[in-house]
Amino acid sequence: MWPFCQRKGFASGVIAATSVMAAPHVTGAVALHVACRGRASNADGVVAIRQALISLSEPQASWRADHFVTDPDSNHEALVNVRAFPSCVR
């Protein structure tokens, strides 16, 4: 599989590995959330952070002007928009 890289408002491109882009992006999103709201102290806190990232995600089609989904598989994962995070982290 050749995952696609998308940047909101720009064309898509092929990249070599999902983890090359996804892992640092999600790690950064978690760091922004923790900077604003504090660290998780238990399993419920971890679930709350996960849910916050899911809630701030957007459909892939919303990241393109033509609303075309370029994900080659049938599981169109949502994309976390870190610009949508609360203003305390900007």
N, C-alpha and C. Protein backbone atom coordinates (compact mmCIF):
# COMPACT_ATOMS: atom_id res chain seq x y z
N MET A 1 0.84 -1.16 0.00
CA MET A 1 0.00 0.00 0.00
C MET A 1 0.90 1.24 0.00
N TRP A 2 0.51 2.26 -0.74
CA TRP A 2 1.21 3.53 -0.78
C TRP A 2 0.28 4.60 -0.24
N PRO A 3 0.40 4.91 1.05
CA PRO A 3 -0.48 5.90 1.66
C PRO A 3 -0.31 7.27 1.03
N PHE A 4 -1.37 8.05 1.14
CA PHE A 4 -1.36 9.40 0.60
C PHE A 4 -1.14 10.40 1.72
N CYS A 5 -0.43 11.46 1.41
CA CYS A 5 -0.19 12.55 2.35
C CYS A 5 -1.05 13.73 1.91
N GLN A 6 -1.80 14.31 2.81
CA GLN A 6 -2.62 15.45 2.47
C GLN A 6 -2.31 16.62 3.39
N ARG A 7 -2.33 17.80 2.83
CA ARG A 7 -2.22 19.03 3.60
C ARG A 7 -3.42 19.87 3.18
N LYS A 8 -4.18 20.32 4.14
CA LYS A 8 -5.44 21.00 3.84
C LYS A 8 -5.22 22.13 2.85
N GLY A 9 -6.00 22.12 1.78
CA GLY A 9 -5.92 23.15 0.76
C GLY A 9 -4.90 22.90 -0.33
N PHE A 10 -4.17 21.78 -0.25
CA PHE A 10 -3.15 21.47 -1.23
C PHE A 10 -3.42 20.11 -1.85
N ALA A 11 -2.74 19.83 -2.92
CA ALA A 11 -2.90 18.54 -3.59
C ALA A 11 -2.30 17.42 -2.74
N SER A 12 -2.72 16.21 -3.03
CA SER A 12 -2.23 15.03 -2.33
C SER A 12 -0.97 14.51 -3.00
N GLY A 13 -0.23 13.71 -2.28
CA GLY A 13 0.94 13.06 -2.84
C GLY A 13 1.15 11.71 -2.20
N VAL A 14 1.87 10.86 -2.88
CA VAL A 14 2.13 9.52 -2.36
C VAL A 14 3.36 9.56 -1.47
N ILE A 15 3.30 8.86 -0.34
CA ILE A 15 4.45 8.71 0.53
C ILE A 15 4.70 7.23 0.73
N ALA A 16 5.85 6.90 1.29
CA ALA A 16 6.26 5.51 1.36
C ALA A 16 5.71 4.73 2.54
N ALA A 17 5.39 5.38 3.66
CA ALA A 17 4.95 4.63 4.83
C ALA A 17 4.03 5.47 5.69
N THR A 18 2.97 4.87 6.16
CA THR A 18 2.00 5.58 6.99
C THR A 18 2.65 6.14 8.24
N SER A 19 3.46 5.36 8.92
CA SER A 19 4.04 5.80 10.19
C SER A 19 4.97 6.99 10.02
N VAL A 20 5.52 7.18 8.84
CA VAL A 20 6.41 8.32 8.60
C VAL A 20 5.65 9.62 8.82
N MET A 21 4.40 9.66 8.48
CA MET A 21 3.60 10.88 8.63
C MET A 21 2.64 10.80 9.82
N ALA A 22 1.98 9.69 10.00
CA ALA A 22 0.92 9.60 11.01
C ALA A 22 1.43 9.63 12.44
N ALA A 23 2.45 8.86 12.75
CA ALA A 23 2.93 8.78 14.13
C ALA A 23 3.41 10.13 14.66
N PRO A 24 4.26 10.88 13.94
CA PRO A 24 4.67 12.18 14.45
C PRO A 24 3.51 13.17 14.55
N HIS A 25 2.59 13.10 13.60
CA HIS A 25 1.45 14.02 13.61
C HIS A 25 0.55 13.76 14.82
N VAL A 26 0.24 12.52 15.08
CA VAL A 26 -0.61 12.17 16.22
C VAL A 26 0.12 12.46 17.53
N THR A 27 1.41 12.17 17.58
CA THR A 27 2.19 12.48 18.78
C THR A 27 2.17 13.97 19.07
N GLY A 28 2.34 14.77 18.05
CA GLY A 28 2.28 16.23 18.22
C GLY A 28 0.91 16.69 18.65
N ALA A 29 -0.14 16.09 18.08
CA ALA A 29 -1.51 16.45 18.47
C ALA A 29 -1.76 16.12 19.94
N VAL A 30 -1.26 14.97 20.39
CA VAL A 30 -1.40 14.60 21.81
C VAL A 30 -0.63 15.60 22.67
N ALA A 31 0.58 15.97 22.25
CA ALA A 31 1.38 16.93 23.01
C ALA A 31 0.66 18.28 23.14
N LEU A 32 0.03 18.73 22.07
CA LEU A 32 -0.73 19.99 22.13
C LEU A 32 -1.90 19.87 23.10
N HIS A 33 -2.59 18.74 23.04
CA HIS A 33 -3.71 18.52 23.95
C HIS A 33 -3.24 18.51 25.40
N VAL A 34 -2.14 17.81 25.67
CA VAL A 34 -1.60 17.72 27.03
C VAL A 34 -1.14 19.10 27.51
N ALA A 35 -0.54 19.89 26.62
CA ALA A 35 -0.09 21.23 26.99
C ALA A 35 -1.26 22.10 27.44
N CYS A 36 -2.40 21.88 26.85
CA CYS A 36 -3.58 22.68 27.17
C CYS A 36 -4.36 22.14 28.36
N ARG A 37 -4.51 20.83 28.42
CA ARG A 37 -5.41 20.23 29.40
C ARG A 37 -4.72 19.42 30.50
N GLY A 38 -3.43 19.17 30.35
CA GLY A 38 -2.72 18.38 31.34
C GLY A 38 -2.64 16.91 30.95
N ARG A 39 -1.75 16.20 31.62
CA ARG A 39 -1.51 14.79 31.34
C ARG A 39 -2.64 13.91 31.87
N ALA A 40 -2.75 12.76 31.27
CA ALA A 40 -3.70 11.76 31.75
C ALA A 40 -3.11 11.09 32.98
N SER A 41 -3.93 10.90 34.00
CA SER A 41 -3.43 10.26 35.22
C SER A 41 -3.98 8.85 35.40
N ASN A 42 -4.88 8.44 34.50
CA ASN A 42 -5.45 7.10 34.58
C ASN A 42 -6.00 6.71 33.21
N ALA A 43 -6.57 5.54 33.12
CA ALA A 43 -7.10 5.05 31.84
C ALA A 43 -8.20 5.94 31.30
N ASP A 44 -9.04 6.48 32.18
CA ASP A 44 -10.10 7.38 31.71
C ASP A 44 -9.52 8.63 31.07
N GLY A 45 -8.40 9.12 31.60
CA GLY A 45 -7.74 10.27 31.02
C GLY A 45 -7.19 9.99 29.64
N VAL A 46 -6.65 8.80 29.46
CA VAL A 46 -6.14 8.39 28.15
C VAL A 46 -7.29 8.30 27.15
N VAL A 47 -8.40 7.73 27.57
CA VAL A 47 -9.58 7.64 26.71
C VAL A 47 -10.08 9.05 26.34
N ALA A 48 -10.03 9.98 27.29
CA ALA A 48 -10.47 11.35 27.03
C ALA A 48 -9.58 12.03 25.98
N ILE A 49 -8.28 11.80 26.05
CA ILE A 49 -7.37 12.37 25.05
C ILE A 49 -7.66 11.76 23.68
N ARG A 50 -7.83 10.45 23.64
CA ARG A 50 -8.15 9.78 22.37
C ARG A 50 -9.44 10.33 21.78
N GLN A 51 -10.46 10.49 22.61
CA GLN A 51 -11.74 10.99 22.14
C GLN A 51 -11.62 12.44 21.66
N ALA A 52 -10.80 13.23 22.32
CA ALA A 52 -10.60 14.62 21.89
C ALA A 52 -9.99 14.66 20.49
N LEU A 53 -9.02 13.79 20.22
CA LEU A 53 -8.42 13.75 18.89
C LEU A 53 -9.43 13.30 17.85
N ILE A 54 -10.24 12.32 18.19
CA ILE A 54 -11.28 11.85 17.27
C ILE A 54 -12.28 12.97 17.00
N SER A 55 -12.66 13.69 18.04
CA SER A 55 -13.64 14.77 17.89
C SER A 55 -13.11 15.91 17.03
N LEU A 56 -11.79 16.13 17.04
CA LEU A 56 -11.21 17.20 16.25
C LEU A 56 -10.80 16.75 14.85
N SER A 57 -11.09 15.51 14.51
CA SER A 57 -10.73 15.03 13.18
C SER A 57 -11.79 15.41 12.17
N GLU A 58 -11.38 15.43 10.92
CA GLU A 58 -12.25 15.83 9.81
C GLU A 58 -12.19 14.78 8.71
N PRO A 59 -13.27 14.63 7.96
CA PRO A 59 -13.24 13.69 6.83
C PRO A 59 -12.15 14.09 5.83
N GLN A 60 -11.55 13.09 5.21
CA GLN A 60 -10.50 13.37 4.23
C GLN A 60 -10.97 14.31 3.12
N ALA A 61 -12.20 14.15 2.70
CA ALA A 61 -12.71 14.97 1.59
C ALA A 61 -12.71 16.45 1.93
N SER A 62 -12.81 16.81 3.20
CA SER A 62 -12.85 18.23 3.56
C SER A 62 -11.48 18.89 3.43
N TRP A 63 -10.44 18.12 3.21
CA TRP A 63 -9.09 18.66 3.10
C TRP A 63 -8.73 19.01 1.66
N ARG A 64 -9.64 18.79 0.75
CA ARG A 64 -9.37 19.11 -0.66
C ARG A 64 -10.47 20.01 -1.19
N ALA A 65 -10.08 20.93 -2.03
CA ALA A 65 -11.06 21.86 -2.61
C ALA A 65 -12.11 21.12 -3.44
N ASP A 66 -11.71 20.04 -4.10
CA ASP A 66 -12.64 19.29 -4.93
C ASP A 66 -13.36 18.18 -4.15
N HIS A 67 -13.07 18.04 -2.86
CA HIS A 67 -13.69 17.05 -1.97
C HIS A 67 -13.50 15.62 -2.43
N PHE A 68 -12.45 15.37 -3.18
CA PHE A 68 -12.14 14.03 -3.67
C PHE A 68 -11.34 13.29 -2.62
N VAL A 69 -11.70 12.06 -2.32
CA VAL A 69 -10.98 11.24 -1.36
C VAL A 69 -9.94 10.42 -2.12
N THR A 70 -8.67 10.59 -1.74
CA THR A 70 -7.59 9.90 -2.45
C THR A 70 -7.09 8.66 -1.73
N ASP A 71 -7.68 8.33 -0.62
CA ASP A 71 -7.27 7.14 0.12
C ASP A 71 -7.57 5.91 -0.73
N PRO A 72 -6.55 5.11 -1.04
CA PRO A 72 -6.77 3.99 -1.96
C PRO A 72 -7.54 2.81 -1.38
N ASP A 73 -7.68 2.74 -0.04
CA ASP A 73 -8.43 1.61 0.50
C ASP A 73 -9.85 2.08 0.89
N SER A 74 -10.65 1.16 1.38
CA SER A 74 -12.04 1.49 1.69
C SER A 74 -12.22 2.08 3.08
N ASN A 75 -11.15 2.12 3.88
CA ASN A 75 -11.22 2.70 5.22
C ASN A 75 -10.68 4.12 5.17
N HIS A 76 -11.55 5.08 4.98
CA HIS A 76 -11.15 6.48 4.84
C HIS A 76 -11.00 7.10 6.23
N GLU A 77 -9.80 6.97 6.79
CA GLU A 77 -9.53 7.48 8.12
C GLU A 77 -9.69 9.00 8.14
N ALA A 78 -10.23 9.50 9.22
CA ALA A 78 -10.34 10.94 9.38
C ALA A 78 -8.95 11.51 9.68
N LEU A 79 -8.78 12.79 9.43
CA LEU A 79 -7.50 13.45 9.63
C LEU A 79 -7.62 14.44 10.78
N VAL A 80 -6.66 14.42 11.69
CA VAL A 80 -6.68 15.33 12.84
C VAL A 80 -6.22 16.71 12.39
N ASN A 81 -7.05 17.70 12.63
CA ASN A 81 -6.72 19.08 12.29
C ASN A 81 -6.24 19.78 13.56
N VAL A 82 -4.93 19.92 13.73
CA VAL A 82 -4.41 20.53 14.94
C VAL A 82 -4.74 22.01 15.03
N ARG A 83 -5.08 22.63 13.93
CA ARG A 83 -5.51 24.04 13.98
C ARG A 83 -6.84 24.20 14.70
N ALA A 84 -7.58 23.10 14.84
CA ALA A 84 -8.88 23.15 15.52
C ALA A 84 -8.73 23.03 17.03
N PHE A 85 -7.50 22.85 17.51
CA PHE A 85 -7.30 22.73 18.96
C PHE A 85 -7.64 24.05 19.64
N PRO A 86 -7.92 23.98 20.94
CA PRO A 86 -8.24 25.20 21.68
C PRO A 86 -7.12 26.24 21.59
N SER A 87 -7.48 27.49 21.73
CA SER A 87 -6.52 28.58 21.56
C SER A 87 -5.41 28.56 22.60
N CYS A 88 -5.57 27.85 23.69
CA CYS A 88 -4.53 27.82 24.73
C CYS A 88 -3.25 27.17 24.24
N VAL A 89 -3.28 26.48 23.12
CA VAL A 89 -2.06 25.83 22.62
C VAL A 89 -1.52 26.51 21.37
N ARG A 90 -2.10 27.59 20.99
CA ARG A 90 -1.59 28.28 19.79
C ARG A 90 -0.77 29.47 20.17
